[in-house]
C-alpha cells in the first residue's frame, strides 16, 4: 500500500498532464490568427485605396481650378 501523499501527488500530476495535453482551445487560437491576418490585409488595402482616392480628388481639384480661374 502506498502512502497517501504519493497518491495525492499522482493525482496532481495527472490533472496537470491532462490540462497540458488538452487541445480544445486550439481552434479558437487558429480562428483568432486568421481573423487578425484578414484585418491586417484589410487595413493595408484601405490605406492604399485611401491614397488613390485622395490623389484622384487632388487631380480633379487641380483640373477644376484651371477652369475656374
C-alpha atoms as a PDB file:
ATOM      1  CA  UNK A   1       0.000   0.000   0.000  1.00  0.00           C
ATOM      2  CA  UNK A   2       1.393   3.435  -0.890  1.00  0.00           C
ATOM      3  CA  UNK A   3       1.340   6.430   1.418  1.00  0.00           C
ATOM      4  CA  UNK A   4      -1.454   8.989   0.908  1.00  0.00           C
ATOM      5  CA  UNK A   5       0.927  11.787  -0.114  1.00  0.00           C
ATOM      6  CA  UNK A   6       2.166   9.741  -3.075  1.00  0.00           C
ATOM      7  CA  UNK A   7      -1.405   9.183  -4.207  1.00  0.00           C
ATOM      8  CA  UNK A   8      -2.150  12.887  -3.814  1.00  0.00           C
ATOM      9  CA  UNK A   9       0.968  13.796  -5.804  1.00  0.00           C
ATOM     10  CA  UNK A  10      -0.013  11.330  -8.525  1.00  0.00           C
ATOM     11  CA  UNK A  11      -3.477  12.894  -8.833  1.00  0.00           C
ATOM     12  CA  UNK A  12      -1.961  16.398  -9.092  1.00  0.00           C
ATOM     13  CA  UNK A  13       0.455  15.260 -11.796  1.00  0.00           C
ATOM     14  CA  UNK A  14      -2.362  13.560 -13.734  1.00  0.00           C
ATOM     15  CA  UNK A  15      -4.503  16.702 -13.543  1.00  0.00           C
ATOM     16  CA  UNK A  16      -1.610  18.858 -14.765  1.00  0.00           C
ATOM     17  CA  UNK A  17      -0.833  16.430 -17.604  1.00  0.00           C
ATOM     18  CA  UNK A  18      -4.454  16.432 -18.748  1.00  0.00           C
ATOM     19  CA  UNK A  19      -4.529  20.224 -18.720  1.00  0.00           C
ATOM     20  CA  UNK A  20      -1.323  20.442 -20.755  1.00  0.00           C
ATOM     21  CA  UNK A  21      -2.495  17.903 -23.319  1.00  0.00           C
ATOM     22  CA  UNK A  22      -5.947  19.452 -23.741  1.00  0.00           C
ATOM     23  CA  UNK A  23      -6.310  20.865 -27.269  1.00  0.00           C
ATOM     24  CA  UNK A  24      -9.833  22.262 -27.033  1.00  0.00           C
ATOM     25  CA  UNK A  25      -8.654  25.883 -27.263  1.00  0.00           C
ATOM     26  CA  UNK A  26      -6.531  25.264 -30.342  1.00  0.00           C
ATOM     27  CA  UNK A  27      -9.348  26.010 -32.805  1.00  0.00           C
ATOM     28  CA  UNK A  28     -10.079  29.336 -31.140  1.00  0.00           C
ATOM     29  CA  UNK A  29      -6.435  30.390 -31.439  1.00  0.00           C
ATOM     30  CA  UNK A  30      -6.403  29.456 -35.124  1.00  0.00           C
ATOM     31  CA  UNK A  31      -9.559  31.487 -35.770  1.00  0.00           C
ATOM     32  CA  UNK A  32      -8.047  34.490 -33.977  1.00  0.00           C
ATOM     33  CA  UNK A  33      -4.879  34.260 -36.083  1.00  0.00           C
ATOM     34  CA  UNK A  34      -6.849  34.046 -39.324  1.00  0.00           C
ATOM     35  CA  UNK A  35      -9.076  36.969 -38.301  1.00  0.00           C
ATOM     36  CA  UNK A  36      -6.044  39.083 -37.398  1.00  0.00           C
ATOM     37  CA  UNK A  37      -4.396  38.365 -40.755  1.00  0.00           C
ATOM     38  CA  UNK A  38      -7.576  39.302 -42.601  1.00  0.00           C
ATOM     39  CA  UNK A  39      -7.918  42.534 -40.634  1.00  0.00           C
ATOM     40  CA  UNK A  40      -4.257  43.395 -41.262  1.00  0.00           C
ATOM     41  CA  UNK A  41      -4.740  42.862 -45.005  1.00  0.00           C
ATOM     42  CA  UNK A  42      -7.894  44.996 -44.927  1.00  0.00           C
ATOM     43  CA  UNK A  43      -6.084  47.825 -43.141  1.00  0.00           C
ATOM     44  CA  UNK A  44      -3.251  47.768 -45.676  1.00  0.00           C
ATOM     45  CA  UNK A  45      -5.758  47.663 -48.552  1.00  0.00           C
ATOM     46  CA  UNK A  46      -7.790  50.567 -47.176  1.00  0.00           C
ATOM     47  CA  UNK A  47      -4.648  52.677 -46.807  1.00  0.00           C
ATOM     48  CA  UNK A  48      -3.692  52.196 -50.444  1.00  0.00           C
ATOM     49  CA  UNK A  49      -7.258  52.826 -51.622  1.00  0.00           C
ATOM     50  CA  UNK A  50      -7.453  55.974 -49.494  1.00  0.00           C
ATOM     51  CA  UNK A  51      -4.229  57.259 -51.035  1.00  0.00           C
ATOM     52  CA  UNK A  52      -5.518  56.560 -54.547  1.00  0.00           C
ATOM     53  CA  UNK A  53      -8.852  58.280 -53.838  1.00  0.00           C
ATOM     54  CA  UNK A  54      -7.041  61.264 -52.332  1.00  0.00           C
ATOM     55  CA  UNK A  55      -4.815  61.546 -55.401  1.00  0.00           C
ATOM     56  CA  UNK A  56      -7.858  61.335 -57.682  1.00  0.00           C
ATOM     57  CA  UNK A  57      -9.645  64.155 -55.825  1.00  0.00           C
ATOM     58  CA  UNK A  58      -6.478  66.241 -55.894  1.00  0.00           C
ATOM     59  CA  UNK A  59      -6.267  65.763 -59.667  1.00  0.00           C
ATOM     60  CA  UNK A  60      -9.936  66.686 -60.087  1.00  0.00           C
ATOM     61  CA  UNK A  61      -9.479  69.752 -57.892  1.00  0.00           C
ATOM     62  CA  UNK A  62      -6.496  70.860 -59.917  1.00  0.00           C
ATOM     63  CA  UNK A  63      -8.396  70.478 -63.201  1.00  0.00           C
ATOM     64  CA  UNK A  64     -11.393  72.371 -61.855  1.00  0.00           C
ATOM     65  CA  UNK A  65      -9.111  75.077 -60.545  1.00  0.00           C
ATOM     66  CA  UNK A  66      -7.711  75.699 -64.016  1.00  0.00           C
ATOM     67  CA  UNK A  67     -11.226  76.065 -65.477  1.00  0.00           C
ATOM     68  CA  UNK A  68     -12.436  78.417 -62.748  1.00  0.00           C
ATOM     69  CA  UNK A  69      -9.539  80.832 -62.755  1.00  0.00           C
END
